[in-house]
Amino acid sequence: MMIILFVLSSCSNNPLEGTWQYNGGLYNGREQKASPNFKMQRTYSEKSYEAFKIEAFIEPELYNSGIYKVQGDTLLITSKFSSRPSQNTDLTIRYKFKIENNKLTINGILPNGMVVEEYWKKVD
């Protein structure tokens, strides 16, 4: 008797899946560094994301979550929850992105006209 065993792995073609930590950015050309007092992390699963603020000795705070879609080098993000007042909830924002090694760079224009370029480092 022959037994055939198939092993299925969760291979993903999605380069964003995993956890990324904010590493600074440019906002309307002005540099903003990552805070030394807390970390901001965003975890992308298959189709959704959650963003947390992480401080020592405090429970991580979910500050934003929603859905996203990758189309080539374009990232479409739709926020469904924000812990702070936001005019971007339920709006889809289009970003260009690139990943080099463990570094993610996203570029886009927010609905209020702000030009953003953010840097994220993969942490898992």
N, C-alpha and C. Protein backbone atom coordinates (compact mmCIF):
# COMPACT_ATOMS: atom_id res chain seq x y z
N MET A 1 0.83 -1.16 0.00
CA MET A 1 0.00 0.00 0.00
C MET A 1 0.89 1.25 0.00
N MET A 2 0.57 2.22 -0.88
CA MET A 2 1.34 3.44 -0.98
C MET A 2 0.54 4.60 -0.35
N ILE A 3 1.22 5.36 0.48
CA ILE A 3 0.58 6.53 1.09
C ILE A 3 1.24 7.76 0.50
N ILE A 4 0.40 8.64 0.02
CA ILE A 4 0.90 9.90 -0.54
C ILE A 4 0.52 11.01 0.42
N LEU A 5 1.50 11.78 0.79
CA LEU A 5 1.27 12.86 1.74
C LEU A 5 1.52 14.19 1.04
N PHE A 6 0.55 15.06 1.10
CA PHE A 6 0.70 16.40 0.55
C PHE A 6 0.85 17.37 1.70
N VAL A 7 1.85 18.20 1.63
CA VAL A 7 2.05 19.21 2.64
C VAL A 7 1.73 20.56 1.99
N LEU A 8 0.77 21.24 2.57
CA LEU A 8 0.40 22.55 2.06
C LEU A 8 1.04 23.61 2.94
N SER A 9 1.70 24.53 2.32
CA SER A 9 2.26 25.64 3.09
C SER A 9 1.56 26.91 2.68
N SER A 10 1.60 27.87 3.57
CA SER A 10 0.92 29.13 3.27
C SER A 10 1.90 30.06 2.56
N CYS A 11 2.16 29.74 1.31
CA CYS A 11 3.02 30.59 0.51
C CYS A 11 2.20 31.78 0.04
N SER A 12 2.78 32.95 0.15
CA SER A 12 2.05 34.15 -0.21
C SER A 12 2.84 34.93 -1.26
N ASN A 13 2.12 35.46 -2.21
CA ASN A 13 2.74 36.34 -3.19
C ASN A 13 2.66 37.79 -2.73
N ASN A 14 2.19 38.00 -1.52
CA ASN A 14 1.99 39.34 -0.99
C ASN A 14 3.24 39.79 -0.24
N PRO A 15 3.98 40.74 -0.79
CA PRO A 15 5.23 41.17 -0.15
C PRO A 15 5.02 41.96 1.14
N LEU A 16 3.80 42.43 1.40
CA LEU A 16 3.56 43.24 2.59
C LEU A 16 3.25 42.41 3.84
N GLU A 17 2.83 41.17 3.67
CA GLU A 17 2.43 40.39 4.84
C GLU A 17 3.52 40.36 5.89
N GLY A 18 3.13 40.57 7.13
CA GLY A 18 4.06 40.60 8.25
C GLY A 18 3.91 41.88 9.04
N THR A 19 4.86 42.12 9.92
CA THR A 19 4.82 43.30 10.79
C THR A 19 5.94 44.25 10.41
N TRP A 20 5.56 45.53 10.29
CA TRP A 20 6.47 46.59 9.89
C TRP A 20 6.47 47.67 10.97
N GLN A 21 7.64 48.22 11.25
CA GLN A 21 7.76 49.27 12.27
C GLN A 21 8.12 50.59 11.61
N TYR A 22 7.40 51.64 12.02
CA TYR A 22 7.62 52.98 11.47
C TYR A 22 9.04 53.43 11.76
N ASN A 23 9.69 53.98 10.72
CA ASN A 23 11.08 54.39 10.85
C ASN A 23 11.30 55.81 10.35
N GLY A 24 10.27 56.63 10.45
CA GLY A 24 10.38 58.03 10.03
C GLY A 24 9.76 58.28 8.68
N GLY A 25 9.79 59.55 8.28
CA GLY A 25 9.22 59.89 6.99
C GLY A 25 9.36 61.36 6.66
N LEU A 26 8.80 61.72 5.52
CA LEU A 26 8.75 63.11 5.08
C LEU A 26 7.28 63.48 4.89
N TYR A 27 6.90 64.62 5.42
CA TYR A 27 5.52 65.09 5.33
C TYR A 27 5.56 66.52 4.80
N ASN A 28 5.08 66.68 3.56
CA ASN A 28 5.22 67.96 2.84
C ASN A 28 6.68 68.41 2.85
N GLY A 29 7.60 67.45 2.69
CA GLY A 29 9.02 67.76 2.61
C GLY A 29 9.70 67.92 3.95
N ARG A 30 8.96 67.88 5.05
CA ARG A 30 9.56 68.02 6.38
C ARG A 30 9.81 66.65 6.99
N GLU A 31 11.03 66.48 7.48
CA GLU A 31 11.41 65.20 8.06
C GLU A 31 10.76 65.00 9.43
N GLN A 32 10.28 63.78 9.65
CA GLN A 32 9.79 63.38 10.97
C GLN A 32 10.47 62.07 11.32
N LYS A 33 11.14 62.06 12.45
CA LYS A 33 11.82 60.85 12.88
C LYS A 33 10.88 59.99 13.71
N ALA A 34 11.18 58.72 13.78
CA ALA A 34 10.42 57.81 14.65
C ALA A 34 10.64 58.24 16.09
N SER A 35 9.60 58.14 16.89
CA SER A 35 9.68 58.55 18.30
C SER A 35 10.61 57.62 19.09
N PRO A 36 11.44 58.19 19.95
CA PRO A 36 12.26 57.34 20.82
C PRO A 36 11.45 56.79 22.00
N ASN A 37 10.25 57.34 22.23
CA ASN A 37 9.43 56.97 23.39
C ASN A 37 8.45 55.84 23.14
N PHE A 38 8.12 55.59 21.88
CA PHE A 38 7.19 54.51 21.55
C PHE A 38 7.44 54.05 20.13
N LYS A 39 6.89 52.88 19.81
CA LYS A 39 7.00 52.31 18.47
C LYS A 39 5.63 52.30 17.83
N MET A 40 5.61 52.49 16.54
CA MET A 40 4.38 52.32 15.76
C MET A 40 4.61 51.15 14.83
N GLN A 41 3.72 50.16 14.93
CA GLN A 41 3.85 48.98 14.09
C GLN A 41 2.55 48.72 13.34
N ARG A 42 2.70 48.27 12.12
CA ARG A 42 1.55 47.91 11.29
C ARG A 42 1.74 46.46 10.85
N THR A 43 0.71 45.65 11.09
CA THR A 43 0.75 44.25 10.69
C THR A 43 -0.24 44.03 9.56
N TYR A 44 0.29 43.54 8.44
CA TYR A 44 -0.53 43.23 7.27
C TYR A 44 -0.79 41.73 7.24
N SER A 45 -2.06 41.35 7.20
CA SER A 45 -2.40 39.95 6.97
C SER A 45 -2.79 39.84 5.49
N GLU A 46 -3.55 38.84 5.12
CA GLU A 46 -3.85 38.61 3.71
C GLU A 46 -4.52 39.82 3.04
N LYS A 47 -5.54 40.40 3.68
CA LYS A 47 -6.28 41.52 3.06
C LYS A 47 -6.52 42.68 4.00
N SER A 48 -6.12 42.55 5.26
CA SER A 48 -6.39 43.61 6.23
C SER A 48 -5.12 43.97 6.98
N TYR A 49 -5.19 45.07 7.72
CA TYR A 49 -4.04 45.51 8.51
C TYR A 49 -4.53 46.05 9.85
N GLU A 50 -3.63 46.04 10.81
CA GLU A 50 -3.86 46.67 12.11
C GLU A 50 -2.61 47.45 12.47
N ALA A 51 -2.80 48.65 13.02
CA ALA A 51 -1.68 49.50 13.40
C ALA A 51 -1.73 49.74 14.90
N PHE A 52 -0.58 49.53 15.55
CA PHE A 52 -0.50 49.65 17.01
C PHE A 52 0.58 50.63 17.42
N LYS A 53 0.30 51.33 18.51
CA LYS A 53 1.29 52.16 19.19
C LYS A 53 1.76 51.32 20.38
N ILE A 54 3.09 51.15 20.50
CA ILE A 54 3.64 50.27 21.52
C ILE A 54 4.57 51.07 22.42
N GLU A 55 4.23 51.12 23.72
CA GLU A 55 5.05 51.80 24.72
C GLU A 55 5.43 50.79 25.79
N ALA A 56 6.58 51.01 26.41
CA ALA A 56 7.02 50.12 27.48
C ALA A 56 6.02 50.12 28.62
N PHE A 57 5.74 48.95 29.14
CA PHE A 57 4.90 48.75 30.32
C PHE A 57 3.44 49.13 30.12
N ILE A 58 3.01 49.37 28.88
CA ILE A 58 1.61 49.72 28.58
C ILE A 58 1.10 48.74 27.53
N GLU A 59 -0.14 48.35 27.65
CA GLU A 59 -0.77 47.46 26.67
C GLU A 59 -0.74 48.15 25.29
N PRO A 60 -0.33 47.43 24.22
CA PRO A 60 -0.33 48.05 22.88
C PRO A 60 -1.70 48.64 22.54
N GLU A 61 -1.70 49.82 21.93
CA GLU A 61 -2.93 50.53 21.57
C GLU A 61 -3.20 50.40 20.08
N LEU A 62 -4.34 49.81 19.73
CA LEU A 62 -4.77 49.77 18.34
C LEU A 62 -5.22 51.17 17.96
N TYR A 63 -4.51 51.81 17.03
CA TYR A 63 -4.90 53.17 16.66
C TYR A 63 -5.50 53.26 15.26
N ASN A 64 -5.35 52.20 14.46
CA ASN A 64 -5.91 52.24 13.11
C ASN A 64 -6.00 50.83 12.57
N SER A 65 -7.02 50.56 11.77
CA SER A 65 -7.12 49.27 11.09
C SER A 65 -7.98 49.43 9.85
N GLY A 66 -7.89 48.46 8.97
CA GLY A 66 -8.67 48.54 7.75
C GLY A 66 -8.32 47.43 6.78
N ILE A 67 -8.58 47.70 5.53
CA ILE A 67 -8.32 46.74 4.46
C ILE A 67 -7.35 47.36 3.46
N TYR A 68 -6.73 46.50 2.67
CA TYR A 68 -5.80 46.99 1.67
C TYR A 68 -5.75 46.04 0.49
N LYS A 69 -5.19 46.54 -0.59
CA LYS A 69 -5.01 45.74 -1.79
C LYS A 69 -3.71 46.18 -2.46
N VAL A 70 -2.96 45.20 -2.95
CA VAL A 70 -1.73 45.47 -3.69
C VAL A 70 -2.01 45.24 -5.16
N GLN A 71 -1.69 46.23 -5.99
CA GLN A 71 -1.81 46.13 -7.44
C GLN A 71 -0.48 46.58 -8.04
N GLY A 72 0.38 45.62 -8.34
CA GLY A 72 1.70 45.98 -8.87
C GLY A 72 2.49 46.73 -7.82
N ASP A 73 2.90 47.98 -8.13
CA ASP A 73 3.63 48.80 -7.17
C ASP A 73 2.71 49.82 -6.48
N THR A 74 1.41 49.56 -6.54
CA THR A 74 0.42 50.45 -5.92
C THR A 74 -0.21 49.75 -4.71
N LEU A 75 -0.35 50.51 -3.65
CA LEU A 75 -0.97 50.03 -2.42
C LEU A 75 -2.22 50.87 -2.19
N LEU A 76 -3.37 50.22 -2.13
CA LEU A 76 -4.64 50.89 -1.87
C LEU A 76 -5.05 50.57 -0.44
N ILE A 77 -5.12 51.59 0.40
CA ILE A 77 -5.45 51.41 1.82
C ILE A 77 -6.76 52.10 2.13
N THR A 78 -7.67 51.36 2.78
CA THR A 78 -8.95 51.91 3.23
C THR A 78 -9.04 51.72 4.74
N SER A 79 -8.97 52.81 5.47
CA SER A 79 -9.09 52.76 6.92
C SER A 79 -10.54 52.51 7.30
N LYS A 80 -10.76 51.56 8.20
CA LYS A 80 -12.11 51.25 8.69
C LYS A 80 -12.28 51.66 10.15
N PHE A 81 -11.16 51.88 10.85
CA PHE A 81 -11.21 52.27 12.25
C PHE A 81 -10.04 53.21 12.54
N SER A 82 -10.30 54.26 13.30
CA SER A 82 -9.26 55.14 13.80
C SER A 82 -9.61 55.51 15.23
N SER A 83 -8.64 55.41 16.14
CA SER A 83 -8.89 55.74 17.54
C SER A 83 -8.94 57.25 17.75
N ARG A 84 -8.54 58.00 16.75
CA ARG A 84 -8.58 59.46 16.81
C ARG A 84 -9.46 59.97 15.68
N PRO A 85 -10.05 61.14 15.85
CA PRO A 85 -10.89 61.67 14.77
C PRO A 85 -10.11 61.71 13.45
N SER A 86 -10.74 61.20 12.39
CA SER A 86 -10.08 61.15 11.08
C SER A 86 -11.09 61.36 9.97
N GLN A 87 -10.69 62.17 9.00
CA GLN A 87 -11.52 62.37 7.82
C GLN A 87 -11.21 61.32 6.75
N ASN A 88 -10.25 60.44 7.04
CA ASN A 88 -9.83 59.44 6.05
C ASN A 88 -10.52 58.09 6.23
N THR A 89 -11.36 57.94 7.25
CA THR A 89 -12.05 56.67 7.46
C THR A 89 -13.00 56.42 6.29
N ASP A 90 -12.95 55.21 5.77
CA ASP A 90 -13.75 54.75 4.63
C ASP A 90 -13.36 55.38 3.30
N LEU A 91 -12.24 56.10 3.26
CA LEU A 91 -11.70 56.60 1.99
C LEU A 91 -10.52 55.71 1.60
N THR A 92 -10.42 55.40 0.33
CA THR A 92 -9.29 54.62 -0.16
C THR A 92 -8.20 55.58 -0.61
N ILE A 93 -7.01 55.39 -0.06
CA ILE A 93 -5.86 56.23 -0.40
C ILE A 93 -4.88 55.38 -1.21
N ARG A 94 -4.41 55.94 -2.29
CA ARG A 94 -3.50 55.26 -3.21
C ARG A 94 -2.06 55.69 -2.92
N TYR A 95 -1.22 54.71 -2.69
CA TYR A 95 0.20 54.95 -2.46
C TYR A 95 1.00 54.15 -3.48
N LYS A 96 2.17 54.63 -3.81
CA LYS A 96 3.17 53.84 -4.51
C LYS A 96 4.06 53.27 -3.41
N PHE A 97 4.52 52.04 -3.60
CA PHE A 97 5.39 51.45 -2.59
C PHE A 97 6.51 50.67 -3.24
N LYS A 98 7.59 50.51 -2.48
CA LYS A 98 8.67 49.64 -2.90
C LYS A 98 9.29 49.02 -1.66
N ILE A 99 9.76 47.80 -1.85
CA ILE A 99 10.41 47.07 -0.76
C ILE A 99 11.81 46.73 -1.23
N GLU A 100 12.78 47.14 -0.43
CA GLU A 100 14.18 46.80 -0.68
C GLU A 100 14.72 46.19 0.60
N ASN A 101 15.16 44.94 0.49
CA ASN A 101 15.58 44.17 1.66
C ASN A 101 14.44 44.17 2.67
N ASN A 102 14.62 44.71 3.85
CA ASN A 102 13.57 44.74 4.87
C ASN A 102 13.01 46.14 5.06
N LYS A 103 13.12 46.98 4.04
CA LYS A 103 12.67 48.36 4.13
C LYS A 103 11.51 48.60 3.15
N LEU A 104 10.42 49.13 3.69
CA LEU A 104 9.24 49.49 2.91
C LEU A 104 9.16 51.01 2.83
N THR A 105 9.00 51.54 1.64
CA THR A 105 8.79 52.97 1.45
C THR A 105 7.45 53.15 0.76
N ILE A 106 6.60 54.01 1.33
CA ILE A 106 5.32 54.32 0.69
C ILE A 106 5.26 55.82 0.42
N ASN A 107 4.72 56.17 -0.74
CA ASN A 107 4.60 57.56 -1.18
C ASN A 107 3.17 57.81 -1.63
N GLY A 108 2.63 58.95 -1.25
CA GLY A 108 1.29 59.28 -1.71
C GLY A 108 0.88 60.67 -1.29
N ILE A 109 -0.33 61.01 -1.70
CA ILE A 109 -0.93 62.30 -1.34
C ILE A 109 -2.21 62.01 -0.59
N LEU A 110 -2.30 62.51 0.65
CA LEU A 110 -3.50 62.32 1.45
C LEU A 110 -4.63 63.19 0.92
N PRO A 111 -5.88 62.87 1.26
CA PRO A 111 -7.01 63.66 0.77
C PRO A 111 -6.92 65.15 1.13
N ASN A 112 -6.21 65.50 2.21
CA ASN A 112 -6.06 66.91 2.58
C ASN A 112 -4.93 67.60 1.81
N GLY A 113 -4.29 66.86 0.88
CA GLY A 113 -3.24 67.44 0.05
C GLY A 113 -1.83 67.21 0.57
N MET A 114 -1.68 66.66 1.77
CA MET A 114 -0.34 66.42 2.32
C MET A 114 0.37 65.34 1.52
N VAL A 115 1.61 65.64 1.14
CA VAL A 115 2.46 64.69 0.42
C VAL A 115 3.26 63.92 1.46
N VAL A 116 3.15 62.59 1.43
CA VAL A 116 3.82 61.77 2.44
C VAL A 116 4.78 60.78 1.79
N GLU A 117 5.87 60.54 2.49
CA GLU A 117 6.79 59.47 2.17
C GLU A 117 7.17 58.86 3.51
N GLU A 118 6.79 57.61 3.73
CA GLU A 118 7.03 56.96 5.01
C GLU A 118 7.98 55.79 4.82
N TYR A 119 8.77 55.54 5.87
CA TYR A 119 9.74 54.45 5.87
C TYR A 119 9.37 53.47 6.99
N TRP A 120 9.31 52.21 6.63
CA TRP A 120 8.97 51.15 7.58
C TRP A 120 10.01 50.05 7.48
N LYS A 121 10.32 49.43 8.61
CA LYS A 121 11.29 48.34 8.64
C LYS A 121 10.57 47.06 9.06
N LYS A 122 10.80 45.99 8.35
CA LYS A 122 10.15 44.70 8.67
C LYS A 122 10.74 44.14 9.96
N VAL A 123 9.84 43.78 10.89
CA VAL A 123 10.29 43.24 12.16
C VAL A 123 9.92 41.78 12.34
N ASP A 124 9.07 41.23 11.45
CA ASP A 124 8.81 39.78 11.45
C ASP A 124 8.28 39.35 10.11
